[in-house]
Amino acid sequence: MTISVARTALLGAACVVALSLSGWNAVAADLRLGSNFGDTHSSTRALKDVFATKVEELTQGRHTVSVFANSELGQTSEMVNQAQSGINFGVYVSTAFYNSQVPQLGVTNLPFVFSDRETAFKVIDGPMGEQLKPLFEEKGLVVLGFMELGFRHITNSKRAIVEPDDVAGLKIRLQSNPVHIATFNLLGASPVALDGTEIFAALSQGVIDGQENPYSVINNLRLYDARQRYVSETGHFFDIIVFAVSKSVLEGMTPEDREAVIEAGRLATAEQRRIAAEDEAANRAAVEAKGVEITVLTPEQREAFQAATAPVYDQVREALGQDLVDTFLSAIAAAK
């Protein structure tokens, strides 16, 4: 090969690299999404069945989507960072894993703040959600959808939990979420922050006594096979999945493809919420069928948990600001 031919080949390769790095609109691209949720979780199903299909259809095949569930792309915090940097296109995980990027999101994690999913989504789909979205963009992420993870309940291997004192002394796995941890400290638990990939082993080995998650996760992770004999339907947090993508990659697309991806995200979010609501009873029944003892709190017992965790509200006001918390609570009151 002559020097001139070699130089031409190198320049051509450099152009391809430059296009793929700085101009996603110039070449077809596979958009990689990562999560810690399993293949059967409603979020994964909606993204595979709706988002991936619609992106390919609306961009006429210029973009395809690959969904990597089960933490295939790394631990949860790593996947968020991958989306921020543009290494991967997006991530769909619980609000807890965006804390270091958007601490204001913690206001949605207040205990016992939502009475039902309808109120939660009226608030997050309204001005409150619009106030939060730009904070993600400042960190290199664009929110394509707020999905449902659901009401979180406590499971453990020791005893039925019917009152706050029953939680005292239990080693409970929590997400690395300041509001969640503060809440369980008030209940007298010993919170242990672990990535989702570590829950089953830690429970099986008795390193921790319990954890808290929605029924979808309890069933997907088969926690009844990890010494979890008791579930208490505390519904202490209503958790949201944030489906966020790389701002730099999204902005590198043509306007038409960018709008197509945003529309696909909207459709997938609506479908995920529908599936999640539909799956709730089935996941609960599956857990109960495994012999797990389920405790449903009376209104009075639930009020006792609310009273025990109420000081968290003042802690969040101090950490995130009085105005943010008051705006959020006002939005909830207006949505009911």
Protein backbone atom coordinates (compact mmCIF):
# COMPACT_ATOMS: atom_id res chain seq x y z
CA MET A 1 0.00 0.00 0.00
CA THR A 2 1.41 3.43 -0.97
CA ILE A 3 1.71 6.25 1.53
CA SER A 4 -1.07 8.22 -0.22
CA VAL A 5 -3.46 5.23 -0.24
CA ALA A 6 -2.70 4.50 3.42
CA ARG A 7 -3.33 8.15 4.30
CA THR A 8 -6.67 8.07 2.45
CA ALA A 9 -7.72 4.91 4.31
CA LEU A 10 -6.81 6.44 7.67
CA LEU A 11 -8.70 9.64 6.89
CA GLY A 12 -11.73 7.61 5.88
CA ALA A 13 -11.63 5.63 9.15
CA ALA A 14 -11.24 8.86 11.12
CA CYS A 15 -14.30 10.31 9.41
CA VAL A 16 -16.37 7.26 10.35
CA VAL A 17 -15.27 7.56 13.98
CA ALA A 18 -16.03 11.29 14.01
CA LEU A 19 -19.47 10.72 12.56
CA SER A 20 -20.31 8.03 15.09
CA LEU A 21 -19.08 10.15 18.00
CA SER A 22 -20.39 13.58 17.08
CA GLY A 23 -23.14 12.98 14.56
CA TRP A 24 -25.52 10.19 15.46
CA ASN A 25 -27.84 11.64 12.84
CA ALA A 26 -25.34 10.87 10.09
CA VAL A 27 -25.30 7.11 10.58
CA ALA A 28 -27.70 4.44 11.76
CA ALA A 29 -27.23 3.76 15.47
CA ASP A 30 -28.23 1.08 17.92
CA LEU A 31 -29.54 2.76 21.06
CA ARG A 32 -28.55 0.74 24.14
CA LEU A 33 -30.73 0.91 27.26
CA GLY A 34 -29.71 -0.56 30.62
CA SER A 35 -31.51 -1.42 33.85
CA ASN A 36 -31.43 -3.55 36.96
CA PHE A 37 -34.98 -4.75 36.33
CA GLY A 38 -35.55 -8.23 34.96
CA ASP A 39 -36.76 -9.34 31.55
CA THR A 40 -40.31 -9.91 32.78
CA HIS A 41 -40.64 -6.57 34.59
CA SER A 42 -43.26 -4.24 33.11
CA SER A 43 -40.64 -1.60 32.30
CA THR A 44 -38.45 -3.97 30.30
CA ARG A 45 -41.43 -5.39 28.46
CA ALA A 46 -42.75 -1.94 27.51
CA LEU A 47 -39.37 -0.77 26.29
CA LYS A 48 -38.76 -3.88 24.23
CA ASP A 49 -42.27 -4.17 22.82
CA VAL A 50 -43.19 -0.51 22.37
CA PHE A 51 -40.16 1.77 22.54
CA ALA A 52 -37.86 -0.41 20.42
CA THR A 53 -40.59 -1.12 17.88
CA LYS A 54 -41.69 2.50 17.56
CA VAL A 55 -38.16 3.91 17.33
CA GLU A 56 -37.30 1.62 14.45
CA GLU A 57 -40.64 2.26 12.76
CA LEU A 58 -40.71 6.06 13.18
CA THR A 59 -37.06 6.52 12.15
CA GLN A 60 -37.51 4.15 9.20
CA GLY A 61 -34.78 1.91 10.54
CA ARG A 62 -32.17 4.63 11.03
CA HIS A 63 -32.13 3.77 14.74
CA THR A 64 -32.69 0.47 16.51
CA VAL A 65 -32.91 -0.25 20.23
CA SER A 66 -31.26 -2.93 22.37
CA VAL A 67 -32.51 -3.37 25.93
CA PHE A 68 -30.13 -4.85 28.50
CA ALA A 69 -32.01 -5.91 31.65
CA ASN A 70 -30.75 -7.74 34.78
CA SER A 71 -27.83 -5.30 35.30
CA GLU A 72 -26.06 -6.68 32.23
CA LEU A 73 -24.37 -3.31 31.69
CA GLY A 74 -23.15 -2.95 35.28
CA GLN A 75 -24.41 -1.78 38.65
CA THR A 76 -27.25 0.70 38.67
CA SER A 77 -25.21 3.82 39.41
CA GLU A 78 -22.79 2.84 36.65
CA MET A 79 -25.61 2.60 34.12
CA VAL A 80 -26.79 6.11 35.02
CA ASN A 81 -23.26 7.40 34.47
CA GLN A 82 -23.05 5.55 31.14
CA ALA A 83 -26.15 7.37 29.94
CA GLN A 84 -24.84 10.72 31.14
CA SER A 85 -21.61 10.27 29.23
CA GLY A 86 -23.27 8.89 26.10
CA ILE A 87 -21.51 5.53 26.33
CA ASN A 88 -25.02 4.06 26.31
CA PHE A 89 -28.16 5.80 25.20
CA GLY A 90 -30.37 5.43 28.25
CA VAL A 91 -31.29 3.91 31.57
CA TYR A 92 -34.56 3.10 33.34
CA VAL A 93 -34.20 2.77 37.11
CA SER A 94 -35.78 3.93 40.36
CA THR A 95 -35.60 7.57 41.46
CA ALA A 96 -33.10 6.59 44.17
CA PHE A 97 -30.31 6.08 41.68
CA TYR A 98 -30.45 9.66 40.43
CA ASN A 99 -29.90 11.17 43.87
CA SER A 100 -26.35 12.33 43.25
CA GLN A 101 -27.40 13.96 39.96
CA VAL A 102 -30.79 15.41 40.92
CA PRO A 103 -31.19 15.48 44.71
CA GLN A 104 -34.44 17.45 44.35
CA LEU A 105 -36.05 14.25 43.10
CA GLY A 106 -35.91 13.10 46.71
CA VAL A 107 -39.08 15.06 47.40
CA THR A 108 -41.03 12.32 45.58
CA ASN A 109 -39.64 9.78 48.07
CA LEU A 110 -41.35 11.21 51.15
CA PRO A 111 -43.01 8.44 53.18
CA PHE A 112 -46.76 7.95 52.94
CA VAL A 113 -47.10 11.01 50.72
CA PHE A 114 -49.17 9.32 48.00
CA SER A 115 -52.41 7.49 48.74
CA ASP A 116 -52.81 6.01 45.25
CA ARG A 117 -51.06 5.78 41.88
CA GLU A 118 -53.55 8.12 40.19
CA THR A 119 -52.59 11.01 42.45
CA ALA A 120 -48.90 10.26 42.04
CA PHE A 121 -49.07 10.53 38.27
CA LYS A 122 -51.28 13.62 38.26
CA VAL A 123 -48.50 15.30 40.21
CA ILE A 124 -45.52 13.94 38.29
CA ASP A 125 -47.19 14.59 34.92
CA GLY A 126 -47.99 18.16 35.91
CA PRO A 127 -45.94 21.26 36.76
CA MET A 128 -43.96 19.34 39.39
CA GLY A 129 -42.55 16.97 36.81
CA GLU A 130 -41.85 19.85 34.45
CA GLN A 131 -39.92 21.55 37.24
CA LEU A 132 -37.76 18.45 37.74
CA LYS A 133 -36.97 17.65 34.10
CA PRO A 134 -34.60 20.60 33.47
CA LEU A 135 -32.54 19.50 36.47
CA PHE A 136 -31.83 16.23 34.65
CA GLU A 137 -30.82 18.13 31.52
CA GLU A 138 -28.26 20.08 33.54
CA LYS A 139 -26.67 16.70 34.27
CA GLY A 140 -26.68 15.51 30.68
CA LEU A 141 -29.90 13.50 30.80
CA VAL A 142 -33.30 13.94 29.16
CA VAL A 143 -36.34 12.35 30.81
CA LEU A 144 -38.45 10.46 28.28
CA GLY A 145 -40.87 9.12 30.85
CA PHE A 146 -41.83 8.69 34.48
CA MET A 147 -42.91 5.07 34.85
CA GLU A 148 -44.43 3.15 37.75
CA LEU A 149 -42.38 1.01 40.08
CA GLY A 150 -45.14 1.05 42.68
CA PHE A 151 -45.81 0.99 46.38
CA ARG A 152 -42.96 -0.48 48.37
CA HIS A 153 -43.60 -3.05 51.12
CA ILE A 154 -41.36 -4.57 53.79
CA THR A 155 -40.34 -8.23 53.65
CA ASN A 156 -38.28 -10.04 56.28
CA SER A 157 -37.34 -13.42 57.70
CA LYS A 158 -38.04 -12.73 61.37
CA ARG A 159 -41.61 -11.69 62.11
CA ALA A 160 -44.84 -10.14 60.89
CA ILE A 161 -44.69 -6.36 60.98
CA VAL A 162 -47.87 -4.65 62.16
CA GLU A 163 -46.53 -1.63 64.05
CA PRO A 164 -43.43 0.59 63.90
CA ASP A 165 -41.75 -1.16 66.85
CA ASP A 166 -41.73 -4.41 64.84
CA VAL A 167 -39.19 -2.88 62.47
CA ALA A 168 -36.76 -1.96 65.25
CA GLY A 169 -33.49 -3.88 65.13
CA LEU A 170 -34.06 -5.46 61.72
CA LYS A 171 -31.27 -5.21 59.17
CA ILE A 172 -33.16 -3.93 56.14
CA ARG A 173 -31.70 -3.52 52.66
CA LEU A 174 -32.50 -0.12 51.19
CA GLN A 175 -31.58 1.73 48.06
CA SER A 176 -28.86 4.33 48.53
CA ASN A 177 -31.50 6.99 49.03
CA PRO A 178 -31.13 9.58 51.83
CA VAL A 179 -34.90 9.93 52.33
CA HIS A 180 -35.45 6.16 52.48
CA ILE A 181 -32.56 5.70 54.91
CA ALA A 182 -33.75 8.54 57.16
CA THR A 183 -37.23 7.03 57.21
CA PHE A 184 -36.04 3.60 58.33
CA ASN A 185 -33.68 5.10 60.90
CA LEU A 186 -36.75 6.67 62.52
CA LEU A 187 -38.35 3.22 62.63
CA GLY A 188 -35.32 1.86 64.48
CA ALA A 189 -34.10 -0.38 61.67
CA SER A 190 -30.48 -0.90 60.72
CA PRO A 191 -30.48 0.22 57.07
CA VAL A 192 -28.02 -1.47 54.72
CA ALA A 193 -27.55 0.15 51.28
CA LEU A 194 -26.97 -2.52 48.63
CA ASP A 195 -27.25 -2.61 44.86
CA GLY A 196 -30.17 -4.65 43.55
CA THR A 197 -27.80 -7.34 42.27
CA GLU A 198 -26.78 -8.13 45.84
CA ILE A 199 -30.21 -8.47 47.49
CA PHE A 200 -30.90 -12.16 46.93
CA ALA A 201 -27.49 -13.36 48.14
CA ALA A 202 -27.50 -11.08 51.19
CA LEU A 203 -30.95 -12.32 52.22
CA SER A 204 -30.11 -15.98 51.53
CA GLN A 205 -26.95 -15.79 53.62
CA GLY A 206 -28.66 -13.98 56.49
CA VAL A 207 -26.43 -10.91 56.10
CA ILE A 208 -29.63 -8.87 56.20
CA ASP A 209 -33.05 -9.72 57.61
CA GLY A 210 -35.23 -8.07 55.04
CA GLN A 211 -35.72 -5.49 52.35
CA GLU A 212 -38.48 -3.31 50.89
CA ASN A 213 -39.76 -3.31 47.33
CA PRO A 214 -42.98 -3.42 45.30
CA TYR A 215 -44.57 -6.80 44.63
CA SER A 216 -43.26 -6.72 41.06
CA VAL A 217 -39.66 -6.81 42.30
CA ILE A 218 -40.36 -9.21 45.18
CA ASN A 219 -41.81 -11.68 42.68
CA ASN A 220 -39.30 -11.04 39.85
CA LEU A 221 -36.37 -11.62 42.24
CA ARG A 222 -38.09 -14.63 43.84
CA LEU A 223 -37.33 -13.28 47.29
CA TYR A 224 -39.57 -15.95 48.81
CA ASP A 225 -36.66 -18.29 47.99
CA ALA A 226 -34.33 -16.06 50.01
CA ARG A 227 -35.80 -16.64 53.49
CA GLN A 228 -38.44 -13.92 53.15
CA ARG A 229 -41.33 -15.42 55.07
CA TYR A 230 -43.23 -12.21 55.85
CA VAL A 231 -44.54 -9.29 53.81
CA SER A 232 -46.13 -6.28 55.44
CA GLU A 233 -48.16 -4.11 53.07
CA THR A 234 -46.92 -0.82 54.43
CA GLY A 235 -46.91 0.99 51.07
CA HIS A 236 -44.54 3.43 52.74
CA PHE A 237 -43.12 4.85 49.47
CA PHE A 238 -44.64 5.08 46.02
CA ASP A 239 -41.65 4.63 43.75
CA ILE A 240 -41.21 5.96 40.25
CA ILE A 241 -38.96 4.68 37.48
CA VAL A 242 -37.20 7.45 35.59
CA PHE A 243 -36.55 6.59 31.94
CA ALA A 244 -33.74 8.97 31.02
CA VAL A 245 -31.46 9.16 27.99
CA SER A 246 -28.24 10.86 26.98
CA LYS A 247 -28.82 14.51 26.14
CA SER A 248 -25.78 14.66 23.86
CA VAL A 249 -26.84 11.60 21.86
CA LEU A 250 -30.44 12.78 21.57
CA GLU A 251 -29.37 16.24 20.42
CA GLY A 252 -27.04 14.65 17.86
CA MET A 253 -29.99 13.18 15.98
CA THR A 254 -31.91 14.91 13.22
CA PRO A 255 -34.94 16.87 14.52
CA GLU A 256 -37.23 14.24 12.96
CA ASP A 257 -35.48 11.32 14.62
CA ARG A 258 -35.29 13.15 17.92
CA GLU A 259 -39.05 13.74 17.90
CA ALA A 260 -39.59 10.10 16.92
CA VAL A 261 -37.59 8.89 19.93
CA ILE A 262 -39.46 11.25 22.27
CA GLU A 263 -42.80 10.04 20.93
CA ALA A 264 -41.73 6.42 21.32
CA GLY A 265 -40.79 7.18 24.92
CA ARG A 266 -44.23 8.69 25.58
CA LEU A 267 -46.00 5.64 24.16
CA ALA A 268 -43.78 3.19 26.06
CA THR A 269 -44.37 5.05 29.33
CA ALA A 270 -48.14 4.88 28.91
CA GLU A 271 -47.94 1.17 28.15
CA GLN A 272 -45.64 0.48 31.10
CA ARG A 273 -48.02 2.17 33.52
CA ARG A 274 -50.90 0.12 32.14
CA ILE A 275 -48.97 -3.15 32.50
CA ALA A 276 -47.73 -2.27 36.00
CA ALA A 277 -51.24 -1.61 37.28
CA GLU A 278 -52.48 -4.80 35.64
CA ASP A 279 -49.61 -6.90 37.02
CA GLU A 280 -49.91 -5.76 40.64
CA ALA A 281 -52.54 -8.30 41.70
CA ALA A 282 -50.85 -11.13 39.80
CA ASN A 283 -47.48 -10.47 41.43
CA ARG A 284 -49.07 -10.31 44.87
CA ALA A 285 -50.90 -13.59 44.26
CA ALA A 286 -47.69 -15.25 43.06
CA VAL A 287 -45.87 -14.22 46.25
CA GLU A 288 -48.72 -15.40 48.46
CA ALA A 289 -48.86 -18.72 46.60
CA LYS A 290 -45.30 -19.41 47.75
CA GLY A 291 -46.45 -19.51 51.37
CA VAL A 292 -45.38 -16.00 52.32
CA GLU A 293 -47.45 -14.53 55.17
CA ILE A 294 -48.92 -11.21 54.02
CA THR A 295 -50.00 -8.65 56.61
CA VAL A 296 -52.43 -5.93 55.53
CA LEU A 297 -52.27 -2.94 57.84
CA THR A 298 -55.43 -1.48 59.31
CA PRO A 299 -55.96 2.29 58.86
CA GLU A 300 -54.93 2.78 62.49
CA GLN A 301 -51.73 0.78 62.06
CA ARG A 302 -50.88 2.73 58.92
CA GLU A 303 -51.42 6.00 60.79
CA ALA A 304 -48.95 4.81 63.43
CA PHE A 305 -46.29 4.35 60.75
CA GLN A 306 -47.09 7.77 59.32
CA ALA A 307 -46.69 9.39 62.72
CA ALA A 308 -43.41 7.60 63.39
CA THR A 309 -41.89 8.74 60.10
CA ALA A 310 -43.33 12.29 59.99
CA PRO A 311 -40.07 13.97 61.15
CA VAL A 312 -38.56 13.02 57.76
CA TYR A 313 -40.59 15.83 56.18
CA ASP A 314 -38.72 18.45 58.21
CA GLN A 315 -35.40 16.81 57.36
CA VAL A 316 -36.23 16.98 53.66
CA ARG A 317 -37.33 20.61 53.99
CA GLU A 318 -33.97 21.40 55.52
CA ALA A 319 -32.04 19.46 52.87
CA LEU A 320 -33.98 20.41 49.72
CA GLY A 321 -35.69 23.64 50.66
CA GLN A 322 -39.01 24.67 52.17
CA ASP A 323 -40.37 25.97 48.86
CA LEU A 324 -39.78 22.72 46.97
CA VAL A 325 -41.49 20.58 49.63
CA ASP A 326 -44.42 22.97 50.00
CA THR A 327 -44.91 23.16 46.24
CA PHE A 328 -44.89 19.37 46.05
CA LEU A 329 -47.38 18.93 48.90
CA SER A 330 -49.64 21.60 47.42
CA ALA A 331 -49.61 19.76 44.09
CA ILE A 332 -50.65 16.55 45.84
CA ALA A 333 -53.50 18.31 47.66
CA ALA A 334 -54.72 19.80 44.37
CA ALA A 335 -54.56 16.42 42.62
CA LYS A 336 -56.80 14.60 45.09
